């Protein structure tokens, strides 16, 4: 299976990420390519340090 070439850019909401997105969008348009934008984040999790584990009297 062949895929059409794209420009892939990762963004994180920072100023540098927005600059990268602007650059990638301009490159994709100039080269007539698709643009694939990726954003990843970690979900907050419960940690043992936040759990009391005891009982209230």
PDB file of N, CA and C in Angstrom:
ATOM      1  N   UNK A   1       0.846  -1.175   0.000  1.00  0.00           N
ATOM      2  CA  UNK A   1       0.000   0.000   0.000  1.00  0.00           C
ATOM      3  C   UNK A   1       0.891   1.237   0.000  1.00  0.00           C
ATOM      4  N   UNK A   2       0.652   2.105  -0.931  1.00  0.00           N
ATOM      5  CA  UNK A   2       1.434   3.329  -1.039  1.00  0.00           C
ATOM      6  C   UNK A   2       0.646   4.488  -0.447  1.00  0.00           C
ATOM      7  N   UNK A   3       1.358   5.347   0.240  1.00  0.00           N
ATOM      8  CA  UNK A   3       0.706   6.525   0.825  1.00  0.00           C
ATOM      9  C   UNK A   3       1.239   7.785   0.160  1.00  0.00           C
ATOM     10  N   UNK A   4       0.390   8.783   0.103  1.00  0.00           N
ATOM     11  CA  UNK A   4       0.831  10.066  -0.428  1.00  0.00           C
ATOM     12  C   UNK A   4       1.786  10.705   0.567  1.00  0.00           C
ATOM     13  N   UNK A   5       2.850  11.345   0.072  1.00  0.00           N
ATOM     14  CA  UNK A   5       3.789  11.996   0.990  1.00  0.00           C
ATOM     15  C   UNK A   5       3.135  13.180   1.706  1.00  0.00           C
ATOM     16  N   UNK A   6       3.505  13.346   2.945  1.00  0.00           N
ATOM     17  CA  UNK A   6       2.998  14.456   3.753  1.00  0.00           C
ATOM     18  C   UNK A   6       4.151  15.060   4.532  1.00  0.00           C
ATOM     19  N   UNK A   7       3.917  16.230   5.044  1.00  0.00           N
ATOM     20  CA  UNK A   7       4.830  16.838   6.010  1.00  0.00           C
ATOM     21  C   UNK A   7       4.202  16.633   7.373  1.00  0.00           C
ATOM     22  N   UNK A   8       4.975  16.059   8.275  1.00  0.00           N
ATOM     23  CA  UNK A   8       4.519  15.776   9.629  1.00  0.00           C
ATOM     24  C   UNK A   8       5.146  16.783  10.581  1.00  0.00           C
ATOM     25  N   UNK A   9       4.320  17.386  11.424  1.00  0.00           N
ATOM     26  CA  UNK A   9       4.826  18.336  12.415  1.00  0.00           C
ATOM     27  C   UNK A   9       4.181  18.025  13.758  1.00  0.00           C
ATOM     28  N   UNK A  10       4.985  18.074  14.796  1.00  0.00           N
ATOM     29  CA  UNK A  10       4.474  17.878  16.151  1.00  0.00           C
ATOM     30  C   UNK A  10       4.319  19.224  16.838  1.00  0.00           C
ATOM     31  N   UNK A  11       3.223  19.406  17.528  1.00  0.00           N
ATOM     32  CA  UNK A  11       2.978  20.655  18.245  1.00  0.00           C
ATOM     33  C   UNK A  11       2.647  20.353  19.700  1.00  0.00           C
ATOM     34  N   UNK A  12       3.013  21.288  20.560  1.00  0.00           N
ATOM     35  CA  UNK A  12       2.742  21.118  21.988  1.00  0.00           C
ATOM     36  C   UNK A  12       2.124  22.357  22.617  1.00  0.00           C
ATOM     37  N   UNK A  13       1.739  23.313  21.798  1.00  0.00           N
ATOM     38  CA  UNK A  13       1.122  24.527  22.317  1.00  0.00           C
ATOM     39  C   UNK A  13       2.104  25.629  22.666  1.00  0.00           C
ATOM     40  N   UNK A  14       3.400  25.333  22.614  1.00  0.00           N
ATOM     41  CA  UNK A  14       4.406  26.346  22.935  1.00  0.00           C
ATOM     42  C   UNK A  14       4.605  27.279  21.743  1.00  0.00           C
ATOM     43  N   UNK A  15       5.312  28.378  21.984  1.00  0.00           N
ATOM     44  CA  UNK A  15       5.615  29.314  20.900  1.00  0.00           C
ATOM     45  C   UNK A  15       6.455  28.627  19.828  1.00  0.00           C
ATOM     46  N   UNK A  16       7.410  27.812  20.242  1.00  0.00           N
ATOM     47  CA  UNK A  16       8.249  27.088  19.284  1.00  0.00           C
ATOM     48  C   UNK A  16       7.411  26.097  18.476  1.00  0.00           C
ATOM     49  N   UNK A  17       6.466  25.449  19.126  1.00  0.00           N
ATOM     50  CA  UNK A  17       5.585  24.517  18.430  1.00  0.00           C
ATOM     51  C   UNK A  17       4.716  25.218  17.400  1.00  0.00           C
ATOM     52  N   UNK A  18       4.229  26.399  17.737  1.00  0.00           N
ATOM     53  CA  UNK A  18       3.415  27.169  16.798  1.00  0.00           C
ATOM     54  C   UNK A  18       4.260  27.643  15.615  1.00  0.00           C
ATOM     55  N   UNK A  19       5.517  27.993  15.893  1.00  0.00           N
ATOM     56  CA  UNK A  19       6.430  28.391  14.818  1.00  0.00           C
ATOM     57  C   UNK A  19       6.678  27.201  13.883  1.00  0.00           C
ATOM     58  N   UNK A  20       6.881  26.023  14.461  1.00  0.00           N
ATOM     59  CA  UNK A  20       7.083  24.817  13.653  1.00  0.00           C
ATOM     60  C   UNK A  20       5.853  24.527  12.799  1.00  0.00           C
ATOM     61  N   UNK A  21       4.679  24.725  13.358  1.00  0.00           N
ATOM     62  CA  UNK A  21       3.441  24.505  12.610  1.00  0.00           C
ATOM     63  C   UNK A  21       3.330  25.479  11.445  1.00  0.00           C
ATOM     64  N   UNK A  22       3.639  26.746  11.674  1.00  0.00           N
ATOM     65  CA  UNK A  22       3.605  27.741  10.596  1.00  0.00           C
ATOM     66  C   UNK A  22       4.560  27.353   9.470  1.00  0.00           C
ATOM     67  N   UNK A  23       5.791  26.957   9.854  1.00  0.00           N
ATOM     68  CA  UNK A  23       6.792  26.573   8.863  1.00  0.00           C
ATOM     69  C   UNK A  23       6.311  25.365   8.067  1.00  0.00           C
ATOM     70  N   UNK A  24       5.813  24.356   8.763  1.00  0.00           N
ATOM     71  CA  UNK A  24       5.365  23.131   8.107  1.00  0.00           C
ATOM     72  C   UNK A  24       4.201  23.405   7.159  1.00  0.00           C
ATOM     73  N   UNK A  25       3.281  24.269   7.562  1.00  0.00           N
ATOM     74  CA  UNK A  25       2.141  24.606   6.706  1.00  0.00           C
ATOM     75  C   UNK A  25       2.611  25.298   5.431  1.00  0.00           C
ATOM     76  N   UNK A  26       3.566  26.202   5.562  1.00  0.00           N
ATOM     77  CA  UNK A  26       4.101  26.889   4.386  1.00  0.00           C
ATOM     78  C   UNK A  26       4.824  25.910   3.464  1.00  0.00           C
ATOM     79  N   UNK A  27       5.606  24.995   4.045  1.00  0.00           N
ATOM     80  CA  UNK A  27       6.316  23.994   3.247  1.00  0.00           C
ATOM     81  C   UNK A  27       5.341  23.070   2.529  1.00  0.00           C
ATOM     82  N   UNK A  28       4.315  22.633   3.231  1.00  0.00           N
ATOM     83  CA  UNK A  28       3.327  21.745   2.623  1.00  0.00           C
ATOM     84  C   UNK A  28       2.635  22.431   1.451  1.00  0.00           C
ATOM     85  N   UNK A  29       2.294  23.689   1.631  1.00  0.00           N
ATOM     86  CA  UNK A  29       1.634  24.428   0.553  1.00  0.00           C
ATOM     87  C   UNK A  29       2.590  24.632  -0.619  1.00  0.00           C
ATOM     88  N   UNK A  30       3.831  25.002  -0.336  1.00  0.00           N
ATOM     89  CA  UNK A  30       4.807  25.256  -1.396  1.00  0.00           C
ATOM     90  C   UNK A  30       5.113  23.991  -2.199  1.00  0.00           C
ATOM     91  N   UNK A  31       5.064  22.833  -1.546  1.00  0.00           N
ATOM     92  CA  UNK A  31       5.396  21.567  -2.206  1.00  0.00           C
ATOM     93  C   UNK A  31       4.153  20.775  -2.639  1.00  0.00           C
ATOM     94  N   UNK A  32       2.981  21.356  -2.430  1.00  0.00           N
ATOM     95  CA  UNK A  32       1.706  20.688  -2.746  1.00  0.00           C
ATOM     96  C   UNK A  32       1.608  19.323  -2.067  1.00  0.00           C
ATOM     97  N   UNK A  33       1.948  19.297  -0.788  1.00  0.00           N
ATOM     98  CA  UNK A  33       1.879  18.080   0.015  1.00  0.00           C
ATOM     99  C   UNK A  33       0.824  18.235   1.096  1.00  0.00           C
ATOM    100  N   UNK A  34       0.400  17.113   1.626  1.00  0.00           N
ATOM    101  CA  UNK A  34      -0.507  17.144   2.762  1.00  0.00           C
ATOM    102  C   UNK A  34       0.247  17.537   4.025  1.00  0.00           C
ATOM    103  N   UNK A  35      -0.504  17.944   5.018  1.00  0.00           N
ATOM    104  CA  UNK A  35       0.077  18.328   6.307  1.00  0.00           C
ATOM    105  C   UNK A  35      -0.566  17.467   7.380  1.00  0.00           C
ATOM    106  N   UNK A  36       0.266  16.791   8.152  1.00  0.00           N
ATOM    107  CA  UNK A  36      -0.201  15.955   9.250  1.00  0.00           C
ATOM    108  C   UNK A  36       0.316  16.566  10.546  1.00  0.00           C
ATOM    109  N   UNK A  37      -0.598  16.965  11.418  1.00  0.00           N
ATOM    110  CA  UNK A  37      -0.248  17.626  12.677  1.00  0.00           C
ATOM    111  C   UNK A  37      -0.449  16.632  13.810  1.00  0.00           C
ATOM    112  N   UNK A  38       0.589  16.438  14.613  1.00  0.00           N
ATOM    113  CA  UNK A  38       0.515  15.499  15.735  1.00  0.00           C
ATOM    114  C   UNK A  38       0.675  16.250  17.047  1.00  0.00           C
ATOM    115  N   UNK A  39      -0.162  15.891  17.989  1.00  0.00           N
ATOM    116  CA  UNK A  39      -0.081  16.465  19.330  1.00  0.00           C
ATOM    117  C   UNK A  39      -0.227  15.315  20.316  1.00  0.00           C
ATOM    118  N   UNK A  40       0.717  15.176  21.214  1.00  0.00           N
ATOM    119  CA  UNK A  40       0.661  14.112  22.217  1.00  0.00           C
ATOM    120  C   UNK A  40       0.715  14.740  23.597  1.00  0.00           C
ATOM    121  N   UNK A  41       0.064  14.096  24.515  1.00  0.00           N
ATOM    122  CA  UNK A  41       0.088  14.576  25.886  1.00  0.00           C
ATOM    123  C   UNK A  41      -0.092  13.392  26.815  1.00  0.00           C
ATOM    124  N   UNK A  42       0.307  13.568  28.051  1.00  0.00           N
ATOM    125  CA  UNK A  42       0.161  12.520  29.054  1.00  0.00           C
ATOM    126  C   UNK A  42      -1.028  12.859  29.941  1.00  0.00           C
ATOM    127  N   UNK A  43      -1.853  11.873  30.175  1.00  0.00           N
ATOM    128  CA  UNK A  43      -2.962  12.062  31.097  1.00  0.00           C
ATOM    129  C   UNK A  43      -2.433  12.021  32.523  1.00  0.00           C
ATOM    130  N   UNK A  44      -2.934  12.895  33.376  1.00  0.00           N
ATOM    131  CA  UNK A  44      -2.483  12.839  34.765  1.00  0.00           C
ATOM    132  C   UNK A  44      -2.919  11.516  35.389  1.00  0.00           C
ATOM    133  N   UNK A  45      -2.084  10.993  36.254  1.00  0.00           N
ATOM    134  CA  UNK A  45      -2.424   9.725  36.887  1.00  0.00           C
ATOM    135  C   UNK A  45      -2.346   9.872  38.397  1.00  0.00           C
ATOM    136  N   UNK A  46      -2.988   8.973  39.072  1.00  0.00           N
ATOM    137  CA  UNK A  46      -2.902   8.954  40.527  1.00  0.00           C
ATOM    138  C   UNK A  46      -1.567   8.335  40.911  1.00  0.00           C
ATOM    139  N   UNK A  47      -0.942   8.888  41.904  1.00  0.00           N
ATOM    140  CA  UNK A  47       0.307   8.289  42.375  1.00  0.00           C
ATOM    141  C   UNK A  47       0.142   7.890  43.830  1.00  0.00           C
ATOM    142  N   UNK A  48       0.961   6.972  44.255  1.00  0.00           N
ATOM    143  CA  UNK A  48       0.890   6.485  45.633  1.00  0.00           C
ATOM    144  C   UNK A  48       1.125   7.617  46.627  1.00  0.00           C
ATOM    145  N   UNK A  49       1.893   8.617  46.235  1.00  0.00           N
ATOM    146  CA  UNK A  49       2.198   9.717  47.148  1.00  0.00           C
ATOM    147  C   UNK A  49       0.955  10.546  47.468  1.00  0.00           C
ATOM    148  N   UNK A  50      -0.030  10.532  46.594  1.00  0.00           N
ATOM    149  CA  UNK A  50      -1.223  11.348  46.837  1.00  0.00           C
ATOM    150  C   UNK A  50      -2.305  10.583  47.590  1.00  0.00           C
ATOM    151  N   UNK A  51      -2.128   9.293  47.750  1.00  0.00           N
ATOM    152  CA  UNK A  51      -3.129   8.486  48.440  1.00  0.00           C
ATOM    153  C   UNK A  51      -2.748   8.333  49.903  1.00  0.00           C
ATOM    154  N   UNK A  52      -3.676   8.634  50.790  1.00  0.00           N
ATOM    155  CA  UNK A  52      -3.415   8.553  52.227  1.00  0.00           C
ATOM    156  C   UNK A  52      -3.295   7.106  52.682  1.00  0.00           C
ATOM    157  N   UNK A  53      -4.254   6.296  52.330  1.00  0.00           N
ATOM    158  CA  UNK A  53      -4.218   4.898  52.723  1.00  0.00           C
ATOM    159  C   UNK A  53      -4.655   4.647  54.158  1.00  0.00           C
ATOM    160  N   UNK A  54      -4.863   5.709  54.924  1.00  0.00           N
ATOM    161  CA  UNK A  54      -5.274   5.555  56.318  1.00  0.00           C
ATOM    162  C   UNK A  54      -6.776   5.715  56.467  1.00  0.00           C
ATOM    163  N   UNK A  55      -7.237   5.624  57.687  1.00  0.00           N
ATOM    164  CA  UNK A  55      -8.658   5.775  57.985  1.00  0.00           C
ATOM    165  C   UNK A  55      -8.842   6.959  58.919  1.00  0.00           C
ATOM    166  N   UNK A  56      -9.929   7.677  58.746  1.00  0.00           N
ATOM    167  CA  UNK A  56     -10.246   8.786  59.653  1.00  0.00           C
ATOM    168  C   UNK A  56     -10.919   8.213  60.895  1.00  0.00           C
ATOM    169  N   UNK A  57     -10.550   8.741  62.046  1.00  0.00           N
ATOM    170  CA  UNK A  57     -11.134   8.239  63.300  1.00  0.00           C
ATOM    171  C   UNK A  57     -12.381   9.008  63.647  1.00  0.00           C
TER     172      UNK A  57
END
